[in-house]
Structure formats: structure tokens, C-alpha cells
C-alpha atoms as a PDB file:
ATOM      1  CA  UNK A   1      47.153 -11.820  26.325  1.00  0.00           C
ATOM      2  CA  UNK A   2      46.162 -14.065  23.436  1.00  0.00           C
ATOM      3  CA  UNK A   3      48.648 -16.345  21.735  1.00  0.00           C
ATOM      4  CA  UNK A   4      49.353 -16.284  18.005  1.00  0.00           C
ATOM      5  CA  UNK A   5      47.268 -19.422  17.640  1.00  0.00           C
ATOM      6  CA  UNK A   6      44.331 -17.767  19.406  1.00  0.00           C
ATOM      7  CA  UNK A   7      44.693 -14.675  17.227  1.00  0.00           C
ATOM      8  CA  UNK A   8      44.578 -16.931  14.187  1.00  0.00           C
ATOM      9  CA  UNK A   9      41.328 -18.444  15.479  1.00  0.00           C
ATOM     10  CA  UNK A  10      39.895 -14.959  15.779  1.00  0.00           C
ATOM     11  CA  UNK A  11      40.778 -14.174  12.178  1.00  0.00           C
ATOM     12  CA  UNK A  12      39.268 -17.461  11.017  1.00  0.00           C
ATOM     13  CA  UNK A  13      36.099 -16.567  12.889  1.00  0.00           C
ATOM     14  CA  UNK A  14      35.918 -13.240  11.035  1.00  0.00           C
ATOM     15  CA  UNK A  15      36.628 -14.919   7.718  1.00  0.00           C
ATOM     16  CA  UNK A  16      33.533 -17.078   8.261  1.00  0.00           C
ATOM     17  CA  UNK A  17      31.361 -13.951   8.445  1.00  0.00           C
ATOM     18  CA  UNK A  18      30.931 -12.731   4.826  1.00  0.00           C
ATOM     19  CA  UNK A  19      30.081  -9.159   5.774  1.00  0.00           C
ATOM     20  CA  UNK A  20      33.364  -8.563   7.642  1.00  0.00           C
ATOM     21  CA  UNK A  21      35.875 -10.941   6.035  1.00  0.00           C
ATOM     22  CA  UNK A  22      39.146  -9.983   4.338  1.00  0.00           C
ATOM     23  CA  UNK A  23      39.416  -6.472   5.781  1.00  0.00           C
ATOM     24  CA  UNK A  24      42.738  -5.717   7.482  1.00  0.00           C
ATOM     25  CA  UNK A  25      41.218  -3.122   9.796  1.00  0.00           C
ATOM     26  CA  UNK A  26      38.679  -5.667  11.061  1.00  0.00           C
ATOM     27  CA  UNK A  27      41.437  -8.230  11.679  1.00  0.00           C
ATOM     28  CA  UNK A  28      43.354  -5.616  13.682  1.00  0.00           C
ATOM     29  CA  UNK A  29      40.312  -4.756  15.800  1.00  0.00           C
ATOM     30  CA  UNK A  30      39.788  -8.453  16.532  1.00  0.00           C
ATOM     31  CA  UNK A  31      43.480  -8.890  17.414  1.00  0.00           C
ATOM     32  CA  UNK A  32      43.430  -5.940  19.806  1.00  0.00           C
ATOM     33  CA  UNK A  33      40.282  -7.226  21.501  1.00  0.00           C
ATOM     34  CA  UNK A  34      41.793 -10.704  21.908  1.00  0.00           C
ATOM     35  CA  UNK A  35      45.059  -9.339  23.308  1.00  0.00           C
ATOM     36  CA  UNK A  36      43.094  -7.393  25.912  1.00  0.00           C
ATOM     37  CA  UNK A  37      41.622 -10.609  27.337  1.00  0.00           C
ATOM     38  CA  UNK A  38      43.127 -12.215  30.430  1.00  0.00           C
ATOM     39  CA  UNK A  39      41.322 -15.527  30.092  1.00  0.00           C
ATOM     40  CA  UNK A  40      41.634 -18.553  27.865  1.00  0.00           C
ATOM     41  CA  UNK A  41      40.407 -17.770  24.351  1.00  0.00           C
ATOM     42  CA  UNK A  42      37.759 -20.341  23.496  1.00  0.00           C
ATOM     43  CA  UNK A  43      35.262 -20.338  20.640  1.00  0.00           C
ATOM     44  CA  UNK A  44      32.610 -18.964  22.992  1.00  0.00           C
ATOM     45  CA  UNK A  45      34.926 -16.151  24.078  1.00  0.00           C
ATOM     46  CA  UNK A  46      35.673 -15.253  20.446  1.00  0.00           C
ATOM     47  CA  UNK A  47      31.935 -15.184  19.692  1.00  0.00           C
ATOM     48  CA  UNK A  48      31.355 -12.973  22.730  1.00  0.00           C
ATOM     49  CA  UNK A  49      34.129 -10.592  21.674  1.00  0.00           C
ATOM     50  CA  UNK A  50      32.800 -10.470  18.121  1.00  0.00           C
ATOM     51  CA  UNK A  51      29.335  -9.419  19.321  1.00  0.00           C
ATOM     52  CA  UNK A  52      30.967  -6.720  21.451  1.00  0.00           C
ATOM     53  CA  UNK A  53      33.102  -5.231  18.653  1.00  0.00           C
ATOM     54  CA  UNK A  54      30.774  -5.877  15.717  1.00  0.00           C
ATOM     55  CA  UNK A  55      29.571  -2.273  15.570  1.00  0.00           C
ATOM     56  CA  UNK A  56      33.188  -1.174  14.958  1.00  0.00           C
ATOM     57  CA  UNK A  57      33.776  -3.458  11.990  1.00  0.00           C
ATOM     58  CA  UNK A  58      33.715  -2.316   8.368  1.00  0.00           C
ATOM     59  CA  UNK A  59      31.613  -4.048   5.716  1.00  0.00           C
ATOM     60  CA  UNK A  60      33.385  -5.802   2.866  1.00  0.00           C
ATOM     61  CA  UNK A  61      33.005  -3.652  -0.290  1.00  0.00           C
ATOM     62  CA  UNK A  62      32.271  -6.557  -2.645  1.00  0.00           C
ATOM     63  CA  UNK A  63      29.708  -7.896  -0.184  1.00  0.00           C
ATOM     64  CA  UNK A  64      27.972  -4.512   0.081  1.00  0.00           C
ATOM     65  CA  UNK A  65      27.887  -4.068  -3.702  1.00  0.00           C
ATOM     66  CA  UNK A  66      26.440  -7.532  -4.258  1.00  0.00           C
ATOM     67  CA  UNK A  67      23.570  -6.871  -1.845  1.00  0.00           C
ATOM     68  CA  UNK A  68      22.981  -3.362  -3.163  1.00  0.00           C
ATOM     69  CA  UNK A  69      22.324  -4.657  -6.672  1.00  0.00           C
ATOM     70  CA  UNK A  70      20.462  -7.730  -5.420  1.00  0.00           C
ATOM     71  CA  UNK A  71      18.036  -5.672  -3.327  1.00  0.00           C
ATOM     72  CA  UNK A  72      17.570  -3.201  -6.186  1.00  0.00           C
ATOM     73  CA  UNK A  73      16.485  -6.115  -8.365  1.00  0.00           C
ATOM     74  CA  UNK A  74      14.393  -7.714  -5.628  1.00  0.00           C
ATOM     75  CA  UNK A  75      13.210  -4.938  -3.273  1.00  0.00           C
ATOM     76  CA  UNK A  76      10.624  -7.271  -1.774  1.00  0.00           C
ATOM     77  CA  UNK A  77      13.482  -9.118  -0.003  1.00  0.00           C
ATOM     78  CA  UNK A  78      15.317  -5.995   1.202  1.00  0.00           C
ATOM     79  CA  UNK A  79      15.433  -6.973   4.880  1.00  0.00           C
ATOM     80  CA  UNK A  80      18.383  -7.601   7.204  1.00  0.00           C
ATOM     81  CA  UNK A  81      16.937 -10.935   8.323  1.00  0.00           C
ATOM     82  CA  UNK A  82      16.992 -12.135   4.692  1.00  0.00           C
ATOM     83  CA  UNK A  83      20.653 -11.139   4.344  1.00  0.00           C
ATOM     84  CA  UNK A  84      21.437 -13.290   7.386  1.00  0.00           C
ATOM     85  CA  UNK A  85      19.629 -16.277   5.816  1.00  0.00           C
ATOM     86  CA  UNK A  86      21.394 -15.833   2.484  1.00  0.00           C
ATOM     87  CA  UNK A  87      24.792 -15.366   4.167  1.00  0.00           C
ATOM     88  CA  UNK A  88      24.339 -18.461   6.306  1.00  0.00           C
ATOM     89  CA  UNK A  89      23.335 -20.589   3.322  1.00  0.00           C
ATOM     90  CA  UNK A  90      26.331 -19.503   1.245  1.00  0.00           C
ATOM     91  CA  UNK A  91      28.692 -20.129   4.166  1.00  0.00           C
ATOM     92  CA  UNK A  92      27.338 -23.674   4.521  1.00  0.00           C
ATOM     93  CA  UNK A  93      27.788 -24.193   0.792  1.00  0.00           C
ATOM     94  CA  UNK A  94      31.333 -22.809   0.967  1.00  0.00           C
ATOM     95  CA  UNK A  95      30.439 -20.066  -1.505  1.00  0.00           C
ATOM     96  CA  UNK A  96      31.235 -16.342  -1.472  1.00  0.00           C
ATOM     97  CA  UNK A  97      28.585 -13.661  -1.342  1.00  0.00           C
ATOM     98  CA  UNK A  98      28.382 -12.536  -4.952  1.00  0.00           C
ATOM     99  CA  UNK A  99      25.448 -11.240  -6.965  1.00  0.00           C
ATOM    100  CA  UNK A 100      25.422 -14.411  -9.051  1.00  0.00           C
ATOM    101  CA  UNK A 101      25.347 -16.670  -5.981  1.00  0.00           C
ATOM    102  CA  UNK A 102      22.590 -14.610  -4.362  1.00  0.00           C
ATOM    103  CA  UNK A 103      20.479 -14.835  -7.515  1.00  0.00           C
ATOM    104  CA  UNK A 104      20.898 -18.611  -7.600  1.00  0.00           C
ATOM    105  CA  UNK A 105      19.555 -18.899  -4.052  1.00  0.00           C
ATOM    106  CA  UNK A 106      16.172 -17.525  -5.170  1.00  0.00           C
ATOM    107  CA  UNK A 107      16.076 -19.454  -8.428  1.00  0.00           C
ATOM    108  CA  UNK A 108      13.002 -21.739  -8.590  1.00  0.00           C
ATOM    109  CA  UNK A 109      14.061 -25.300  -9.248  1.00  0.00           C
ATOM    110  CA  UNK A 110      17.438 -24.866  -7.592  1.00  0.00           C
ATOM    111  CA  UNK A 111      17.527 -27.471  -4.799  1.00  0.00           C
ATOM    112  CA  UNK A 112      19.534 -25.011  -2.688  1.00  0.00           C
ATOM    113  CA  UNK A 113      17.064 -22.135  -3.047  1.00  0.00           C
ATOM    114  CA  UNK A 114      15.859 -20.458   0.145  1.00  0.00           C
ATOM    115  CA  UNK A 115      12.648 -18.884  -1.155  1.00  0.00           C
ATOM    116  CA  UNK A 116      10.535 -20.540   1.540  1.00  0.00           C
ATOM    117  CA  UNK A 117      12.773 -19.129   4.270  1.00  0.00           C
ATOM    118  CA  UNK A 118      12.786 -15.539   3.062  1.00  0.00           C
ATOM    119  CA  UNK A 119      10.222 -12.971   4.148  1.00  0.00           C
ATOM    120  CA  UNK A 120       9.020 -10.053   2.086  1.00  0.00           C
ATOM    121  CA  UNK A 121       8.718  -6.399   3.058  1.00  0.00           C
ATOM    122  CA  UNK A 122       5.447  -4.929   4.293  1.00  0.00           C
ATOM    123  CA  UNK A 123       5.110  -2.960   1.052  1.00  0.00           C
ATOM    124  CA  UNK A 124       5.555  -6.112  -1.024  1.00  0.00           C
ATOM    125  CA  UNK A 125       3.076  -7.988   1.149  1.00  0.00           C
ATOM    126  CA  UNK A 126       0.514  -5.199   0.677  1.00  0.00           C
ATOM    127  CA  UNK A 127       1.111  -5.227  -3.083  1.00  0.00           C
ATOM    128  CA  UNK A 128       0.586  -8.994  -3.221  1.00  0.00           C
ATOM    129  CA  UNK A 129      -2.628  -8.702  -1.248  1.00  0.00           C
ATOM    130  CA  UNK A 130      -3.911  -5.960  -3.542  1.00  0.00           C
ATOM    131  CA  UNK A 131      -2.992  -8.002  -6.608  1.00  0.00           C
ATOM    132  CA  UNK A 132      -4.981 -10.998  -5.339  1.00  0.00           C
ATOM    133  CA  UNK A 133      -7.925  -8.796  -4.356  1.00  0.00           C
ATOM    134  CA  UNK A 134      -7.814  -7.049  -7.729  1.00  0.00           C
ATOM    135  CA  UNK A 135      -7.990 -10.372  -9.555  1.00  0.00           C
ATOM    136  CA  UNK A 136     -10.888 -11.560  -7.390  1.00  0.00           C
ATOM    137  CA  UNK A 137     -12.923  -8.356  -7.691  1.00  0.00           C
ATOM    138  CA  UNK A 138     -12.478  -8.106 -11.461  1.00  0.00           C
ATOM    139  CA  UNK A 139     -13.474 -11.736 -11.814  1.00  0.00           C
ATOM    140  CA  UNK A 140     -16.680 -11.175  -9.829  1.00  0.00           C
ATOM    141  CA  UNK A 141     -17.546  -7.903 -11.577  1.00  0.00           C
ATOM    142  CA  UNK A 142     -17.199  -9.427 -15.061  1.00  0.00           C
ATOM    143  CA  UNK A 143     -18.768 -12.771 -14.199  1.00  0.00           C
ATOM    144  CA  UNK A 144     -22.077 -11.714 -15.829  1.00  0.00           C
ATOM    145  CA  UNK A 145     -20.343 -11.674 -19.230  1.00  0.00           C
ATOM    146  CA  UNK A 146     -19.211 -15.298 -18.993  1.00  0.00           C
ATOM    147  CA  UNK A 147     -20.818 -18.714 -19.137  1.00  0.00           C
ATOM    148  CA  UNK A 148     -18.756 -21.843 -18.524  1.00  0.00           C
ATOM    149  CA  UNK A 149     -15.595 -19.779 -18.780  1.00  0.00           C
ATOM    150  CA  UNK A 150     -16.488 -18.345 -22.205  1.00  0.00           C
ATOM    151  CA  UNK A 151     -17.876 -14.981 -23.296  1.00  0.00           C
ATOM    152  CA  UNK A 152     -21.677 -15.106 -23.646  1.00  0.00           C
ATOM    153  CA  UNK A 153     -23.157 -14.793 -27.109  1.00  0.00           C
ATOM    154  CA  UNK A 154     -24.697 -11.392 -26.346  1.00  0.00           C
ATOM    155  CA  UNK A 155     -21.217  -9.926 -25.830  1.00  0.00           C
ATOM    156  CA  UNK A 156     -18.209  -9.815 -28.111  1.00  0.00           C
ATOM    157  CA  UNK A 157     -14.715 -10.809 -27.096  1.00  0.00           C
ATOM    158  CA  UNK A 158     -13.684  -7.220 -27.717  1.00  0.00           C
ATOM    159  CA  UNK A 159     -16.299  -5.910 -25.299  1.00  0.00           C
ATOM    160  CA  UNK A 160     -15.102  -8.350 -22.647  1.00  0.00           C
ATOM    161  CA  UNK A 161     -11.449  -7.444 -23.200  1.00  0.00           C
ATOM    162  CA  UNK A 162     -12.224  -3.716 -23.003  1.00  0.00           C
ATOM    163  CA  UNK A 163     -14.136  -4.280 -19.769  1.00  0.00           C
ATOM    164  CA  UNK A 164     -11.162  -6.108 -18.294  1.00  0.00           C
ATOM    165  CA  UNK A 165      -8.704  -3.450 -19.453  1.00  0.00           C
ATOM    166  CA  UNK A 166     -10.787  -0.651 -17.951  1.00  0.00           C
ATOM    167  CA  UNK A 167     -11.027  -2.376 -14.574  1.00  0.00           C
ATOM    168  CA  UNK A 168      -7.339  -3.302 -14.490  1.00  0.00           C
ATOM    169  CA  UNK A 169      -6.370   0.298 -15.204  1.00  0.00           C
ATOM    170  CA  UNK A 170      -8.225   1.570 -12.129  1.00  0.00           C
ATOM    171  CA  UNK A 171      -6.348   2.510  -8.952  1.00  0.00           C
ATOM    172  CA  UNK A 172      -6.998  -0.072  -6.245  1.00  0.00           C
ATOM    173  CA  UNK A 173      -9.184   2.259  -4.143  1.00  0.00           C
ATOM    174  CA  UNK A 174     -11.334   3.121  -7.163  1.00  0.00           C
ATOM    175  CA  UNK A 175     -11.735  -0.544  -8.053  1.00  0.00           C
ATOM    176  CA  UNK A 176     -12.845  -1.296  -4.480  1.00  0.00           C
ATOM    177  CA  UNK A 177     -15.520   1.405  -4.742  1.00  0.00           C
ATOM    178  CA  UNK A 178     -16.691   0.021  -8.087  1.00  0.00           C
ATOM    179  CA  UNK A 179     -16.812  -3.511  -6.678  1.00  0.00           C
ATOM    180  CA  UNK A 180     -18.844  -2.416  -3.649  1.00  0.00           C
ATOM    181  CA  UNK A 181     -21.293  -0.534  -5.875  1.00  0.00           C
ATOM    182  CA  UNK A 182     -21.742  -3.499  -8.206  1.00  0.00           C
ATOM    183  CA  UNK A 183     -22.236  -6.004  -5.386  1.00  0.00           C
ATOM    184  CA  UNK A 184     -24.718  -3.667  -3.652  1.00  0.00           C
ATOM    185  CA  UNK A 185     -26.770  -3.322  -6.840  1.00  0.00           C
ATOM    186  CA  UNK A 186     -26.746  -7.081  -7.409  1.00  0.00           C
ATOM    187  CA  UNK A 187     -27.835  -7.685  -3.820  1.00  0.00           C
ATOM    188  CA  UNK A 188     -30.748  -5.296  -4.261  1.00  0.00           C
ATOM    189  CA  UNK A 189     -31.835  -7.089  -7.426  1.00  0.00           C
ATOM    190  CA  UNK A 190     -32.148 -10.310  -5.452  1.00  0.00           C
ATOM    191  CA  UNK A 191     -33.768  -8.712  -2.392  1.00  0.00           C
ATOM    192  CA  UNK A 192     -37.523  -9.007  -1.568  1.00  0.00           C
ATOM    193  CA  UNK A 193     -39.752  -6.141  -2.760  1.00  0.00           C
ATOM    194  CA  UNK A 194     -40.395  -4.801   0.761  1.00  0.00           C
ATOM    195  CA  UNK A 195     -36.685  -4.736   1.503  1.00  0.00           C
ATOM    196  CA  UNK A 196     -36.011  -2.849  -1.736  1.00  0.00           C
ATOM    197  CA  UNK A 197     -38.673  -0.273  -0.850  1.00  0.00           C
ATOM    198  CA  UNK A 198     -37.013   0.283   2.521  1.00  0.00           C
ATOM    199  CA  UNK A 199     -33.635   0.732   0.845  1.00  0.00           C
ATOM    200  CA  UNK A 200     -35.048   3.223  -1.670  1.00  0.00           C
ATOM    201  CA  UNK A 201     -36.787   5.191   1.096  1.00  0.00           C
ATOM    202  CA  UNK A 202     -33.625   5.303   3.211  1.00  0.00           C
ATOM    203  CA  UNK A 203     -31.505   6.384   0.243  1.00  0.00           C
ATOM    204  CA  UNK A 204     -33.983   9.160  -0.608  1.00  0.00           C
ATOM    205  CA  UNK A 205     -33.859  10.493   2.952  1.00  0.00           C
ATOM    206  CA  UNK A 206     -30.056  10.451   2.891  1.00  0.00           C
ATOM    207  CA  UNK A 207     -29.977  12.247  -0.460  1.00  0.00           C
ATOM    208  CA  UNK A 208     -32.334  14.967   0.766  1.00  0.00           C
ATOM    209  CA  UNK A 209     -30.329  15.364   3.956  1.00  0.00           C
ATOM    210  CA  UNK A 210     -27.092  15.632   1.994  1.00  0.00           C
ATOM    211  CA  UNK A 211     -28.698  18.156  -0.351  1.00  0.00           C
ATOM    212  CA  UNK A 212     -29.848  20.415   2.468  1.00  0.00           C
ATOM    213  CA  UNK A 213     -26.529  20.119   4.318  1.00  0.00           C
ATOM    214  CA  UNK A 214     -24.794  21.334   1.179  1.00  0.00           C
ATOM    215  CA  UNK A 215     -26.498  24.769   1.317  1.00  0.00           C
ATOM    216  CA  UNK A 216     -26.591  27.543   3.898  1.00  0.00           C
ATOM    217  CA  UNK A 217     -29.804  28.057   5.848  1.00  0.00           C
ATOM    218  CA  UNK A 218     -31.821  30.747   4.075  1.00  0.00           C
ATOM    219  CA  UNK A 219     -32.555  33.880   6.205  1.00  0.00           C
ATOM    220  CA  UNK A 220     -36.101  35.125   6.776  1.00  0.00           C
ATOM    221  CA  UNK A 221     -35.445  38.261   4.699  1.00  0.00           C
ATOM    222  CA  UNK A 222     -33.464  39.011   1.578  1.00  0.00           C
ATOM    223  CA  UNK A 223     -30.671  41.521   2.090  1.00  0.00           C
ATOM    224  CA  UNK A 224     -29.515  43.146  -1.165  1.00  0.00           C
ATOM    225  CA  UNK A 225     -25.717  43.332  -1.462  1.00  0.00           C
ATOM    226  CA  UNK A 226     -24.398  46.341   0.501  1.00  0.00           C
ATOM    227  CA  UNK A 227     -27.783  47.017   2.201  1.00  0.00           C
ATOM    228  CA  UNK A 228     -28.681  46.651   5.895  1.00  0.00           C
ATOM    229  CA  UNK A 229     -32.412  46.632   5.348  1.00  0.00           C
ATOM    230  CA  UNK A 230     -34.000  43.330   4.374  1.00  0.00           C
ATOM    231  CA  UNK A 231     -37.108  42.648   2.297  1.00  0.00           C
ATOM    232  CA  UNK A 232     -39.491  39.723   2.195  1.00  0.00           C
ATOM    233  CA  UNK A 233     -38.804  36.940  -0.250  1.00  0.00           C
ATOM    234  CA  UNK A 234     -41.148  36.729  -3.241  1.00  0.00           C
ATOM    235  CA  UNK A 235     -41.165  35.301  -6.739  1.00  0.00           C
ATOM    236  CA  UNK A 236     -41.526  38.815  -8.129  1.00  0.00           C
ATOM    237  CA  UNK A 237     -38.450  39.919  -6.167  1.00  0.00           C
ATOM    238  CA  UNK A 238     -36.417  37.004  -7.460  1.00  0.00           C
ATOM    239  CA  UNK A 239     -37.442  37.660 -11.095  1.00  0.00           C
ATOM    240  CA  UNK A 240     -36.317  41.291 -10.848  1.00  0.00           C
ATOM    241  CA  UNK A 241     -32.836  40.391  -9.556  1.00  0.00           C
ATOM    242  CA  UNK A 242     -29.857  40.411 -11.957  1.00  0.00           C
ATOM    243  CA  UNK A 243     -28.912  36.994 -13.340  1.00  0.00           C
ATOM    244  CA  UNK A 244     -25.629  37.001 -11.434  1.00  0.00           C
ATOM    245  CA  UNK A 245     -27.461  37.616  -8.147  1.00  0.00           C
ATOM    246  CA  UNK A 246     -29.980  34.869  -8.909  1.00  0.00           C
ATOM    247  CA  UNK A 247     -27.127  32.421  -9.499  1.00  0.00           C
ATOM    248  CA  UNK A 248     -25.425  33.519  -6.278  1.00  0.00           C
ATOM    249  CA  UNK A 249     -28.575  32.880  -4.259  1.00  0.00           C
ATOM    250  CA  UNK A 250     -29.102  29.473  -5.878  1.00  0.00           C
ATOM    251  CA  UNK A 251     -25.513  28.498  -5.142  1.00  0.00           C
ATOM    252  CA  UNK A 252     -25.840  29.570  -1.491  1.00  0.00           C
ATOM    253  CA  UNK A 253     -29.359  28.408  -0.603  1.00  0.00           C
ATOM    254  CA  UNK A 254     -30.486  25.952  -3.276  1.00  0.00           C
ATOM    255  CA  UNK A 255     -33.640  25.914  -5.358  1.00  0.00           C
ATOM    256  CA  UNK A 256     -35.813  24.136  -2.759  1.00  0.00           C
ATOM    257  CA  UNK A 257     -35.167  26.667   0.004  1.00  0.00           C
ATOM    258  CA  UNK A 258     -35.629  29.651  -2.309  1.00  0.00           C
ATOM    259  CA  UNK A 259     -38.901  28.280  -3.685  1.00  0.00           C
ATOM    260  CA  UNK A 260     -40.224  27.618  -0.177  1.00  0.00           C
ATOM    261  CA  UNK A 261     -39.213  31.095   1.043  1.00  0.00           C
ATOM    262  CA  UNK A 262     -40.829  32.835  -1.944  1.00  0.00           C
ATOM    263  CA  UNK A 263     -44.035  30.803  -1.594  1.00  0.00           C
ATOM    264  CA  UNK A 264     -44.362  31.321   2.171  1.00  0.00           C
ATOM    265  CA  UNK A 265     -47.435  33.310   3.263  1.00  0.00           C
ATOM    266  CA  UNK A 266     -48.413  33.956  -0.326  1.00  0.00           C
ATOM    267  CA  UNK A 267     -45.287  35.932  -1.221  1.00  0.00           C
END
């Protein structure tokens, strides 16, 4: 069983941990754990006991409130590992965990600040990356309007500002698409003539393929709505159809397929 002096050491250990200090229930849990030991109570034993009972301990209300507001103000630092860094720094400084003290630890210019030690959340890291990429892409897209850092004479400052505003207002994914389109066009402008011809030919094939894939394959015969008997396609047939039926056929099969079917075998 622990002596009064050893119990006091246990309480002092708790008091050095901001999250659990000054809570009577925590002190009682520590006392009970120490009394249950049948070995000399050293600092290592107290640390071992603390790690064993930590999940039972209550969090100091003032401590919890300070971090709640702090993380609401700075969600990018809302990680348990950052709380441990901030706690440890304030303990070394002999300061309590208060909102004011936490704010001072991330204040630029404060010699005690821990900004370089803190890590940011994945969401904040992604946002920072997107912000840097946004700045770079906008700079490259609008570079044609500048010369030596100033707006070219053929553009007005207003035109440049409106261009910037429009790009900055875009969602990140949309800006990426715009950037890729612009860079592709600029690359083609600088490409050799033969390479450009190959690109144009490839794009045309892709466009035709996409166009045909959009429509259903046209049947060999035209089946009037509600009829089981089909008739051959012909321009005369198509002209005699109601406008609504013509539009339906165009929507389903496309102009190219309908024209080819009507022209086949002299229809």
C-alpha cells in the first residue's frame, strides 16, 4: 500500500498533465491505483499506473473549453498530436492551458511559438495545395496579357482584372479543365504543321466516333409506332412523317444515319 508521500507524488504527477489536473475524481482514481500496488512507488511506477488508468480519467472542463474554441478558430490544427505539443510547451513554460495561451503559441514573432512543430489536417493540406495550384494556373493562363509584370497596351487593366476575377471564381476542378485546355491549345500553336495535322485528324475521328456512339443503330426498316410491319427508308417517307415523329427519329438515330438509310439503294 502506498504511503501518504507516495500518494502526494501521484497527485503531483496528475497536476502536471493539463488535461486531467485539478479533478477530485481523477485524484481518487490515482490514489486507489497507488494503494493497490505492493511495490515501491517510483516515478516510473506512477507513469506506468497513469498509462493504465488514463482511459478512466475525466478531462478538465476549462481545458476542454479552451481547445474547443481554439480548434474552431484554427481547424487546420485540430489534431490530438498538436494538443500534446501545445500542452507540453505550456507545461515547460509553467503556464495553464487557456485560450489566450494557446493563441500566443501560434503567434508569428513570438519566440515561444510552436508553428514549425504543428502539423495540419489532411483537409487543410489539400486546401493549401489547391490554393498554390490555383495561383500557378491563373498566372500561366493570364500570362499572355502581361509584359514585364504590367498589362500589355492592347488590354485594359479592367479587362485583366475581370479575367482574374472570373478564373478565381471557378471551382478548382473547372479551373484545372480550363488550364489543360489552354495549355493544349498553346502547345498546338507551337507544334510543327505535320504534328498539327495528325492532331486534327485524330480529333475528327474521335468526334465522329463519339457522335455515332451517342445514337442508337438504325434498323434496316422503319416501323411506324404501334405497327409490326416495317417499310423501307426513303426521303419521301421521312417527308410525309409528322414533325414530332421526325424529331423522335433524329433524336434516336441522328441525321447522318437517317440520311444514309434514306439514300441507300436509291430510296
